[in-house]
Amino acid sequence: MPMVLIAMPLLLCACSTASGGTQALKTATPESLNQTIHDGVTTSDQVKALYGAPEDVSYTDNGSEVWHYLYEQTGNKIADASLLDPTGISTFLGSKSKSHNRSLILLIKNGIVVKHTFNDAKKTVGTGIFRQ
């Protein structure tokens, strides 16, 4: 019984968050991006000045570049709590994980942005009593 009383507060406090990628996308919206990136006008140098170097660059068959910028933020509640819980209660309680991913993809030809797209996706996954 004393073990359960010690484990419960530890379980309830087991939370974590992490973020990574292009920090400029953290607060970006389609409207704010459309104010700074204009298809057919904005240069690749201007994009680098605003967002830094892309995280990934690929090439199309016609020689255009595809630049990828990503930002991800994740948060977990009672994640890995089983490490703190020898009683097995964390299996019943489960966990909840939230992620927020933002991506900016640009098609660049001859140093000019031809087209850009922005995706903003939120996802929540839960197990146990956090299943919703």
C-alpha atoms as a PDB file:
ATOM      1  CA  MET A   1       0.000   0.000   0.000  1.00  0.00           C
ATOM      2  CA  PRO A   2       2.733   2.574   0.765  1.00  0.00           C
ATOM      3  CA  MET A   3       4.240   1.824  -2.678  1.00  0.00           C
ATOM      4  CA  VAL A   4       0.944   2.810  -4.375  1.00  0.00           C
ATOM      5  CA  LEU A   5       0.760   6.076  -2.442  1.00  0.00           C
ATOM      6  CA  ILE A   6       4.272   6.963  -3.581  1.00  0.00           C
ATOM      7  CA  ALA A   7       3.754   5.897  -7.205  1.00  0.00           C
ATOM      8  CA  MET A   8       0.517   7.838  -7.818  1.00  0.00           C
ATOM      9  CA  PRO A   9       1.982  11.354  -7.419  1.00  0.00           C
ATOM     10  CA  LEU A  10       4.884  10.363  -9.654  1.00  0.00           C
ATOM     11  CA  LEU A  11       2.495   9.119 -12.317  1.00  0.00           C
ATOM     12  CA  LEU A  12       0.427  12.255 -12.293  1.00  0.00           C
ATOM     13  CA  CYS A  13       3.530  14.381 -12.794  1.00  0.00           C
ATOM     14  CA  ALA A  14       5.002  12.441 -15.708  1.00  0.00           C
ATOM     15  CA  CYS A  15       4.607  14.945 -18.546  1.00  0.00           C
ATOM     16  CA  SER A  16       6.983  16.088 -21.252  1.00  0.00           C
ATOM     17  CA  THR A  17       7.088  18.415 -24.241  1.00  0.00           C
ATOM     18  CA  ALA A  18       9.549  18.864 -27.076  1.00  0.00           C
ATOM     19  CA  SER A  19       9.813  20.962 -30.195  1.00  0.00           C
ATOM     20  CA  GLY A  20      12.176  21.185 -33.106  1.00  0.00           C
ATOM     21  CA  GLY A  21      12.684  22.406 -36.609  1.00  0.00           C
ATOM     22  CA  THR A  22      12.277  25.841 -38.130  1.00  0.00           C
ATOM     23  CA  GLN A  23      11.256  28.064 -35.198  1.00  0.00           C
ATOM     24  CA  ALA A  24       9.860  30.735 -37.549  1.00  0.00           C
ATOM     25  CA  LEU A  25       7.021  28.322 -38.398  1.00  0.00           C
ATOM     26  CA  LYS A  26       5.985  28.023 -34.739  1.00  0.00           C
ATOM     27  CA  THR A  27       3.581  30.962 -35.049  1.00  0.00           C
ATOM     28  CA  ALA A  28       3.129  30.962 -38.828  1.00  0.00           C
ATOM     29  CA  THR A  29      -0.270  31.065 -40.459  1.00  0.00           C
ATOM     30  CA  PRO A  30      -1.199  30.835 -44.148  1.00  0.00           C
ATOM     31  CA  GLU A  31      -1.951  34.559 -44.043  1.00  0.00           C
ATOM     32  CA  SER A  32       1.424  35.512 -42.533  1.00  0.00           C
ATOM     33  CA  LEU A  33       3.292  33.345 -45.045  1.00  0.00           C
ATOM     34  CA  ASN A  34       1.359  34.861 -47.945  1.00  0.00           C
ATOM     35  CA  GLN A  35       2.473  38.310 -46.757  1.00  0.00           C
ATOM     36  CA  THR A  36       6.153  37.326 -46.919  1.00  0.00           C
ATOM     37  CA  ILE A  37       6.258  34.817 -49.785  1.00  0.00           C
ATOM     38  CA  HIS A  38       4.846  35.842 -53.170  1.00  0.00           C
ATOM     39  CA  ASP A  39       4.873  33.199 -55.911  1.00  0.00           C
ATOM     40  CA  GLY A  40       6.764  34.419 -58.967  1.00  0.00           C
ATOM     41  CA  VAL A  41       8.357  37.296 -57.014  1.00  0.00           C
ATOM     42  CA  THR A  42      10.130  36.130 -53.833  1.00  0.00           C
ATOM     43  CA  THR A  43      13.707  34.938 -54.325  1.00  0.00           C
ATOM     44  CA  SER A  44      15.362  31.946 -52.696  1.00  0.00           C
ATOM     45  CA  ASP A  45      17.764  34.340 -50.938  1.00  0.00           C
ATOM     46  CA  GLN A  46      14.811  36.188 -49.401  1.00  0.00           C
ATOM     47  CA  VAL A  47      13.342  32.884 -48.190  1.00  0.00           C
ATOM     48  CA  LYS A  48      16.681  31.945 -46.590  1.00  0.00           C
ATOM     49  CA  ALA A  49      16.831  35.349 -44.890  1.00  0.00           C
ATOM     50  CA  LEU A  50      13.361  34.763 -43.396  1.00  0.00           C
ATOM     51  CA  TYR A  51      13.488  31.053 -42.530  1.00  0.00           C
ATOM     52  CA  GLY A  52      17.130  30.000 -42.712  1.00  0.00           C
ATOM     53  CA  ALA A  53      18.433  27.078 -44.735  1.00  0.00           C
ATOM     54  CA  PRO A  54      15.800  24.468 -45.620  1.00  0.00           C
ATOM     55  CA  GLU A  55      15.812  21.201 -43.705  1.00  0.00           C
ATOM     56  CA  ASP A  56      15.657  19.236 -46.918  1.00  0.00           C
ATOM     57  CA  VAL A  57      16.132  19.999 -50.617  1.00  0.00           C
ATOM     58  CA  SER A  58      15.095  17.728 -53.459  1.00  0.00           C
ATOM     59  CA  TYR A  59      15.050  18.227 -57.218  1.00  0.00           C
ATOM     60  CA  THR A  60      12.445  17.734 -59.914  1.00  0.00           C
ATOM     61  CA  ASP A  61      13.104  16.305 -63.387  1.00  0.00           C
ATOM     62  CA  ASN A  62      13.092  19.797 -64.915  1.00  0.00           C
ATOM     63  CA  GLY A  63      15.777  21.093 -62.526  1.00  0.00           C
ATOM     64  CA  SER A  64      13.544  22.919 -60.069  1.00  0.00           C
ATOM     65  CA  GLU A  65      14.341  22.706 -56.367  1.00  0.00           C
ATOM     66  CA  VAL A  66      11.839  21.640 -53.709  1.00  0.00           C
ATOM     67  CA  TRP A  67      12.646  23.141 -50.306  1.00  0.00           C
ATOM     68  CA  HIS A  68      11.156  21.701 -47.120  1.00  0.00           C
ATOM     69  CA  TYR A  69      10.840  23.537 -43.801  1.00  0.00           C
ATOM     70  CA  LEU A  70       9.370  21.684 -40.817  1.00  0.00           C
ATOM     71  CA  TYR A  71       8.337  22.502 -37.261  1.00  0.00           C
ATOM     72  CA  GLU A  72       7.069  19.916 -34.797  1.00  0.00           C
ATOM     73  CA  GLN A  73       5.877  20.243 -31.235  1.00  0.00           C
ATOM     74  CA  THR A  74       4.934  17.201 -29.172  1.00  0.00           C
ATOM     75  CA  GLY A  75       3.614  16.737 -25.683  1.00  0.00           C
ATOM     76  CA  ASN A  76       3.048  13.600 -23.630  1.00  0.00           C
ATOM     77  CA  LYS A  77       1.069  13.017 -20.460  1.00  0.00           C
ATOM     78  CA  ILE A  78       1.998  10.038 -18.340  1.00  0.00           C
ATOM     79  CA  ALA A  79       4.395   8.976 -21.074  1.00  0.00           C
ATOM     80  CA  ASP A  80       6.874   6.323 -19.985  1.00  0.00           C
ATOM     81  CA  ALA A  81       5.300   6.402 -16.540  1.00  0.00           C
ATOM     82  CA  SER A  82       5.770   2.654 -16.311  1.00  0.00           C
ATOM     83  CA  LEU A  83       9.420   3.368 -15.512  1.00  0.00           C
ATOM     84  CA  LEU A  84       8.227   5.090 -12.349  1.00  0.00           C
ATOM     85  CA  ASP A  85       5.421   2.656 -11.598  1.00  0.00           C
ATOM     86  CA  PRO A  86       6.276  -0.820 -10.315  1.00  0.00           C
ATOM     87  CA  THR A  87       2.585  -1.357  -9.446  1.00  0.00           C
ATOM     88  CA  GLY A  88       1.286  -1.508 -13.047  1.00  0.00           C
ATOM     89  CA  ILE A  89      -1.205   1.319 -12.524  1.00  0.00           C
ATOM     90  CA  SER A  90       0.240   3.268 -15.457  1.00  0.00           C
ATOM     91  CA  THR A  91      -0.901   0.493 -17.815  1.00  0.00           C
ATOM     92  CA  PHE A  92      -4.485   1.122 -16.695  1.00  0.00           C
ATOM     93  CA  LEU A  93      -4.121   4.892 -16.833  1.00  0.00           C
ATOM     94  CA  GLY A  94      -2.408   4.886 -20.221  1.00  0.00           C
ATOM     95  CA  SER A  95      -0.965   7.936 -21.911  1.00  0.00           C
ATOM     96  CA  LYS A  96      -1.899  10.815 -24.165  1.00  0.00           C
ATOM     97  CA  SER A  97       0.332  12.205 -26.871  1.00  0.00           C
ATOM     98  CA  LYS A  98      -0.307  15.399 -28.817  1.00  0.00           C
ATOM     99  CA  SER A  99       1.657  16.574 -31.822  1.00  0.00           C
ATOM    100  CA  HIS A 100       1.483  19.766 -33.842  1.00  0.00           C
ATOM    101  CA  ASN A 101       3.302  19.654 -37.173  1.00  0.00           C
ATOM    102  CA  ARG A 102       3.773  22.538 -39.564  1.00  0.00           C
ATOM    103  CA  SER A 103       5.473  22.317 -42.921  1.00  0.00           C
ATOM    104  CA  LEU A 104       6.348  24.832 -45.590  1.00  0.00           C
ATOM    105  CA  ILE A 105       7.190  23.454 -49.026  1.00  0.00           C
ATOM    106  CA  LEU A 106       8.484  25.683 -51.812  1.00  0.00           C
ATOM    107  CA  LEU A 107       9.044  24.985 -55.505  1.00  0.00           C
ATOM    108  CA  ILE A 108      11.949  27.131 -56.704  1.00  0.00           C
ATOM    109  CA  LYS A 109      13.034  27.592 -60.316  1.00  0.00           C
ATOM    110  CA  ASN A 110      16.007  29.778 -61.286  1.00  0.00           C
ATOM    111  CA  GLY A 111      16.161  31.274 -57.783  1.00  0.00           C
ATOM    112  CA  ILE A 112      12.474  32.371 -57.729  1.00  0.00           C
ATOM    113  CA  VAL A 113       9.635  30.812 -55.693  1.00  0.00           C
ATOM    114  CA  VAL A 114       7.221  29.367 -58.245  1.00  0.00           C
ATOM    115  CA  LYS A 115       4.748  27.926 -55.727  1.00  0.00           C
ATOM    116  CA  HIS A 116       4.540  27.444 -51.981  1.00  0.00           C
ATOM    117  CA  THR A 117       2.262  25.486 -49.683  1.00  0.00           C
ATOM    118  CA  PHE A 118       1.796  25.418 -45.914  1.00  0.00           C
ATOM    119  CA  ASN A 119       0.373  22.532 -43.904  1.00  0.00           C
ATOM    120  CA  ASP A 120      -0.716  22.731 -40.266  1.00  0.00           C
ATOM    121  CA  ALA A 121      -1.713  19.424 -38.673  1.00  0.00           C
ATOM    122  CA  LYS A 122      -2.647  18.545 -35.099  1.00  0.00           C
ATOM    123  CA  LYS A 123      -2.946  14.981 -33.853  1.00  0.00           C
ATOM    124  CA  THR A 124      -3.876  13.451 -30.498  1.00  0.00           C
ATOM    125  CA  VAL A 125      -3.425   9.780 -29.641  1.00  0.00           C
ATOM    126  CA  GLY A 126      -4.384   8.226 -26.331  1.00  0.00           C
ATOM    127  CA  THR A 127      -4.426   4.882 -24.563  1.00  0.00           C
ATOM    128  CA  GLY A 128      -6.108   3.658 -21.384  1.00  0.00           C
ATOM    129  CA  ILE A 129      -8.374   6.247 -19.775  1.00  0.00           C
ATOM    130  CA  PHE A 130      -6.825   8.911 -22.070  1.00  0.00           C
ATOM    131  CA  ARG A 131      -8.100   7.134 -25.197  1.00  0.00           C
ATOM    132  CA  GLN A 132     -10.315  10.012 -26.419  1.00  0.00           C
END
